[in-house]
Protein backbone atom coordinates (compact mmCIF):
# COMPACT_ATOMS: atom_id res chain seq x y z
CA MET A 1 97.54 -116.39 -22.98
CA TYR A 2 97.15 -112.81 -21.72
CA THR A 3 99.25 -109.94 -22.94
CA SER A 4 99.11 -107.23 -20.31
CA GLU A 5 99.02 -103.49 -20.16
CA ARG A 6 99.32 -101.83 -16.79
CA PHE A 7 95.68 -101.71 -15.77
CA VAL A 8 93.94 -103.66 -18.53
CA LYS A 9 94.55 -107.19 -19.72
CA LYS A 10 93.66 -108.41 -23.18
CA SER A 11 93.47 -111.80 -24.78
CA TYR A 12 91.87 -113.30 -27.85
CA ILE A 13 89.28 -116.07 -27.83
CA GLU A 14 89.45 -118.09 -31.03
CA SER A 15 91.17 -115.03 -32.60
CA SER A 16 87.90 -113.17 -33.25
CA ILE A 17 86.73 -112.21 -29.73
CA LEU A 18 88.79 -109.60 -27.90
CA HIS A 19 88.65 -110.26 -24.15
CA ILE A 20 89.24 -107.08 -22.14
CA THR A 21 89.75 -107.48 -18.39
CA LEU A 22 89.89 -104.53 -16.02
CA ASN A 23 92.96 -105.26 -13.92
CA ARG A 24 93.03 -103.29 -10.69
CA PRO A 25 91.67 -105.99 -8.38
CA GLN A 26 93.15 -104.39 -5.26
CA SER A 27 90.92 -101.36 -5.98
CA LEU A 28 87.92 -103.41 -7.18
CA ASN A 29 88.92 -102.33 -10.71
CA ALA A 30 88.16 -98.67 -10.03
CA LEU A 31 88.43 -96.48 -13.11
CA ASN A 32 91.45 -94.21 -12.94
CA ALA A 33 92.73 -92.08 -15.80
CA GLU A 34 95.42 -94.59 -16.78
CA LEU A 35 92.97 -97.49 -16.99
CA MET A 36 90.58 -95.42 -19.08
CA ASP A 37 93.35 -94.45 -21.49
CA GLU A 38 94.29 -98.11 -21.93
CA LEU A 39 90.64 -99.07 -22.39
CA LEU A 40 90.18 -96.44 -25.10
CA ALA A 41 93.28 -97.67 -26.93
CA LEU A 42 91.91 -101.22 -26.95
CA LEU A 43 88.51 -100.07 -28.20
CA ILE A 44 90.12 -98.16 -31.04
CA GLU A 45 92.16 -101.27 -31.87
CA ALA A 46 89.00 -103.39 -31.87
CA LYS A 47 87.18 -100.97 -34.16
CA LYS A 48 90.01 -100.84 -36.69
CA ASN A 49 90.96 -104.52 -36.66
CA PRO A 50 88.72 -106.52 -39.05
CA GLN A 51 89.82 -109.76 -37.38
CA ILE A 52 88.09 -108.72 -34.14
CA LYS A 53 84.39 -109.52 -34.43
CA ALA A 54 83.18 -109.11 -30.82
CA LEU A 55 84.27 -107.97 -27.35
CA LEU A 56 84.04 -109.56 -23.92
CA LEU A 57 84.42 -107.27 -20.89
CA THR A 58 85.23 -108.66 -17.44
CA GLY A 59 86.84 -107.55 -14.18
CA GLU A 60 89.76 -109.23 -12.44
CA GLY A 61 89.12 -110.51 -8.94
CA LYS A 62 85.97 -110.08 -6.85
CA ALA A 63 84.33 -107.20 -8.71
CA PHE A 64 83.54 -106.12 -12.24
CA CYS A 65 84.17 -102.46 -11.43
CA ALA A 66 83.35 -100.46 -8.31
CA GLY A 67 83.30 -97.12 -10.16
CA ALA A 68 85.60 -94.15 -10.51
CA ASP A 69 88.81 -93.95 -8.51
CA ILE A 70 87.82 -91.87 -5.47
CA THR A 71 91.34 -90.52 -4.97
CA GLN A 72 91.24 -88.96 -8.43
CA LEU A 73 87.62 -87.88 -8.00
CA ALA A 74 88.59 -85.98 -4.85
CA ALA A 75 90.89 -83.69 -6.84
CA LEU A 76 88.30 -82.68 -9.44
CA LYS A 77 86.99 -79.12 -9.64
CA SER A 78 84.37 -77.66 -11.96
CA GLN A 79 86.41 -77.58 -15.17
CA THR A 80 88.41 -80.76 -14.55
CA GLY A 81 85.21 -82.53 -13.54
CA LEU A 82 83.58 -81.49 -16.81
CA GLU A 83 86.59 -82.75 -18.76
CA PHE A 84 86.65 -86.05 -16.83
CA ALA A 85 82.95 -86.66 -17.50
CA ARG A 86 83.35 -85.88 -21.19
CA LEU A 87 86.33 -88.23 -21.44
CA GLY A 88 84.43 -91.10 -19.83
CA GLN A 89 81.39 -90.44 -22.00
CA MET A 90 83.53 -90.45 -25.14
CA ILE A 91 85.19 -93.76 -24.19
CA PHE A 92 81.91 -95.47 -23.34
CA ARG A 93 80.27 -94.08 -26.48
CA THR A 94 83.15 -95.56 -28.48
CA LEU A 95 82.27 -98.95 -27.01
CA GLU A 96 78.57 -98.43 -27.69
CA GLN A 97 79.16 -97.43 -31.31
CA LEU A 98 81.84 -100.01 -32.05
CA GLY A 99 79.73 -101.67 -34.75
CA LYS A 100 80.59 -105.03 -33.20
CA PRO A 101 78.68 -106.79 -30.41
CA SER A 102 80.08 -106.50 -26.90
CA LEU A 103 79.12 -108.32 -23.73
CA ALA A 104 79.87 -107.41 -20.12
CA ALA A 105 80.17 -110.49 -17.87
CA ILE A 106 79.66 -109.21 -14.35
CA GLN A 107 80.60 -110.69 -11.01
CA GLY A 108 80.64 -108.77 -7.75
CA PHE A 109 79.92 -105.06 -7.93
CA ALA A 110 79.17 -102.96 -11.02
CA LEU A 111 78.75 -99.57 -9.37
CA GLY A 112 78.96 -95.99 -10.60
CA GLY A 113 81.30 -95.92 -13.58
CA GLY A 114 81.33 -99.72 -13.54
CA CYS A 115 77.58 -99.85 -14.03
CA GLU A 116 77.91 -97.17 -16.71
CA LEU A 117 80.57 -99.21 -18.51
CA ALA A 118 78.38 -102.31 -18.41
CA MET A 119 75.42 -100.36 -19.79
CA ALA A 120 77.52 -99.16 -22.74
CA ALA A 121 78.09 -102.78 -23.76
CA THR A 122 75.62 -104.36 -26.17
CA MET A 123 74.57 -107.04 -23.68
CA ARG A 124 75.09 -107.85 -20.00
CA ILE A 125 75.07 -111.11 -18.05
CA ALA A 126 75.80 -111.49 -14.35
CA THR A 127 76.12 -113.92 -11.49
CA GLN A 128 73.21 -114.15 -9.06
CA THR A 129 75.07 -112.20 -6.37
CA ALA A 130 76.28 -109.34 -8.59
CA GLY A 131 75.30 -105.87 -7.40
CA PHE A 132 74.38 -102.82 -9.50
CA GLY A 133 73.93 -99.18 -8.62
CA GLN A 134 74.69 -95.51 -9.23
CA PRO A 135 75.75 -94.35 -5.74
CA GLU A 136 77.34 -91.07 -6.86
CA VAL A 137 74.78 -89.02 -4.92
CA LYS A 138 76.39 -90.28 -1.71
CA LEU A 139 79.59 -88.52 -2.77
CA GLY A 140 77.81 -85.31 -3.62
CA VAL A 141 77.95 -85.78 -7.40
CA ILE A 142 75.88 -87.42 -10.13
CA PRO A 143 76.68 -90.16 -12.65
CA GLY A 144 78.96 -88.58 -15.22
CA PHE A 145 79.71 -91.24 -17.82
CA GLY A 146 76.20 -91.47 -19.28
CA GLY A 147 74.59 -93.26 -16.35
CA THR A 148 71.54 -91.04 -15.98
CA GLN A 149 70.76 -91.41 -19.67
CA ARG A 150 71.48 -95.08 -20.40
CA LEU A 151 69.87 -96.21 -17.15
CA ALA A 152 66.63 -94.39 -17.96
CA ARG A 153 66.63 -95.84 -21.46
CA LEU A 154 67.23 -99.38 -20.21
CA ILE A 155 64.95 -99.57 -17.18
CA GLY A 156 62.67 -96.54 -17.44
CA LYS A 157 62.68 -93.04 -15.96
CA GLY A 158 61.08 -93.97 -12.63
CA ARG A 159 63.48 -96.77 -11.79
CA ALA A 160 66.47 -94.73 -12.97
CA LEU A 161 65.42 -91.92 -10.62
CA ASP A 162 65.10 -94.47 -7.82
CA LEU A 163 68.65 -95.80 -8.24
CA CYS A 164 70.30 -92.44 -8.88
CA LEU A 165 68.51 -90.53 -6.12
CA THR A 166 68.88 -93.15 -3.40
CA GLY A 167 72.26 -94.53 -4.45
CA ARG A 168 71.03 -97.97 -3.43
CA ILE A 169 72.42 -101.23 -4.78
CA ILE A 170 70.22 -103.89 -6.38
CA LYS A 171 71.15 -107.52 -6.87
CA ALA A 172 71.10 -109.43 -10.14
CA PRO A 173 67.56 -110.91 -9.81
CA GLU A 174 66.08 -107.42 -9.56
CA ALA A 175 68.39 -106.13 -12.29
CA LEU A 176 67.17 -108.95 -14.53
CA GLN A 177 63.54 -108.19 -13.75
CA TRP A 178 64.09 -104.53 -14.56
CA GLY A 179 65.92 -105.23 -17.83
CA LEU A 180 69.31 -103.93 -16.69
CA ILE A 181 70.90 -107.31 -17.45
CA ASN A 182 69.94 -109.91 -20.05
CA GLU A 183 70.67 -113.09 -18.12
CA MET A 184 71.88 -114.56 -14.82
CA THR A 185 74.24 -117.49 -14.51
CA ASP A 186 76.22 -119.42 -11.90
CA PRO A 187 79.62 -117.91 -11.04
CA GLU A 188 81.55 -120.88 -12.38
CA GLU A 189 79.71 -120.63 -15.69
CA LEU A 190 79.95 -116.87 -16.20
CA ASN A 191 82.82 -116.74 -18.68
CA ASN A 192 81.77 -119.90 -20.51
CA ARG A 193 78.24 -118.57 -20.96
CA ALA A 194 79.56 -115.20 -22.14
CA ILE A 195 81.77 -116.89 -24.74
CA GLU A 196 78.86 -119.09 -25.82
CA ILE A 197 76.63 -116.05 -26.39
CA LEU A 198 79.29 -114.19 -28.39
CA THR A 199 80.25 -117.28 -30.38
CA ASN A 200 76.62 -117.77 -31.37
CA LEU A 201 76.40 -114.12 -32.46
CA LEU A 202 79.44 -114.62 -34.67
CA THR A 203 77.56 -117.21 -36.73
CA LEU A 204 75.13 -114.49 -37.80
CA ALA A 205 75.47 -111.80 -40.46
CA PRO A 206 77.90 -109.13 -39.16
CA LEU A 207 76.70 -106.34 -41.43
CA ALA A 208 73.10 -106.98 -40.45
CA MET A 209 74.08 -106.95 -36.76
CA GLN A 210 75.93 -103.68 -37.27
CA SER A 211 72.84 -102.17 -38.89
CA ILE A 212 70.61 -103.44 -36.07
CA MET A 213 72.83 -101.82 -33.44
CA THR A 214 73.05 -98.57 -35.41
CA VAL A 215 69.32 -98.31 -36.08
CA ILE A 216 68.33 -99.02 -32.48
CA ASP A 217 70.97 -96.60 -31.16
CA GLN A 218 70.25 -93.74 -33.56
CA GLY A 219 66.52 -94.34 -33.96
CA TYR A 220 65.63 -94.51 -30.29
CA ASP A 221 65.22 -90.74 -29.88
CA LEU A 222 63.80 -90.02 -33.34
CA SER A 223 60.15 -89.77 -34.20
CA LEU A 224 58.59 -93.07 -35.23
CA THR A 225 58.37 -91.86 -38.83
CA ASP A 226 62.03 -90.86 -39.00
CA ALA A 227 63.18 -93.97 -37.14
CA CYS A 228 61.28 -96.24 -39.52
CA GLU A 229 62.85 -94.41 -42.48
CA LEU A 230 66.28 -95.06 -40.94
CA GLU A 231 65.33 -98.72 -40.58
CA ALA A 232 64.19 -98.87 -44.21
CA ALA A 233 67.47 -97.36 -45.40
CA HIS A 234 69.50 -99.97 -43.53
CA PHE A 235 67.19 -102.73 -44.74
CA GLY A 236 67.97 -101.61 -48.27
CA LEU A 237 71.69 -101.60 -47.55
CA CYS A 238 71.50 -105.14 -46.19
CA CYS A 239 69.64 -106.28 -49.30
CA SER A 240 72.67 -105.26 -51.39
CA THR A 241 75.11 -107.51 -49.49
CA GLN A 242 76.46 -110.94 -50.27
CA ASP A 243 75.44 -111.93 -46.75
CA LYS A 244 71.78 -111.39 -47.65
CA THR A 245 72.18 -113.55 -50.76
CA GLU A 246 73.91 -116.24 -48.71
CA GLY A 247 71.31 -116.11 -45.96
CA VAL A 248 68.37 -116.49 -48.33
CA GLU A 249 70.03 -119.20 -50.40
CA ALA A 250 70.99 -121.13 -47.27
CA PHE A 251 67.43 -120.93 -45.95
CA LEU A 252 65.95 -122.12 -49.25
CA GLY A 253 68.59 -124.83 -49.50
CA LYS A 254 67.96 -125.94 -45.92
CA ARG A 255 71.58 -125.53 -44.85
CA ASN A 256 73.43 -123.36 -42.37
CA PRO A 257 74.59 -120.03 -43.83
CA VAL A 258 78.22 -118.99 -43.87
CA PHE A 259 78.44 -115.21 -43.64
CA ASN A 260 81.60 -113.32 -44.61
CA GLY A 261 80.61 -109.75 -43.82
CA GLU A 262 80.39 -108.64 -47.42
């Protein structure tokens, strides 16, 4: 059963997965300031609440998210534009650094800020007809919520330049080929497949997953030597956990492990 805010809906799947749904279907879930404030509040809740183990992000209606609200974009000047970009970057970085896996399940368009939101999630799946792009150049601006940076890291500099400079939209098969999404699925199976992926992740060691996400995120731009040292430090931390003891004992005992995040 959903409990609703004004522009975001939330529900819980088996109590441990927080399902966040962008809820401005009449505007293709465009990101206005109010929606972003509600999204940030839910992300902070998810980070603080130990009962929440993972996040599912979806959009109500025909689109995941068509980008920033153009009516609010129209009013931005130099300073307010800077502040708006920094706000969006902070919110999406909060999602990216949540320490818990998140998955964006995408139908319809994920454009501009919508594509940027999806890229901030840990994983992305989409229907075959979903469309992706960074069309900001057609409005005389550039991606402002981390799009130029995450896109280049996910699909490479050349392809990121292609999408950002042309503003063109690619469909899910090309997005899958490029590595922008992890998987395609039929529309009627989108939510079920998303829940299946997250449920499977929740059977694994949460502290190890947190370390994996941290090391990949922080190590990506370090030298190989420094990144490997970061990896070694987190490997050592994992070796001190009860989850590591449980995982090894379960493997040797030929049973399924039961991890408790300790």
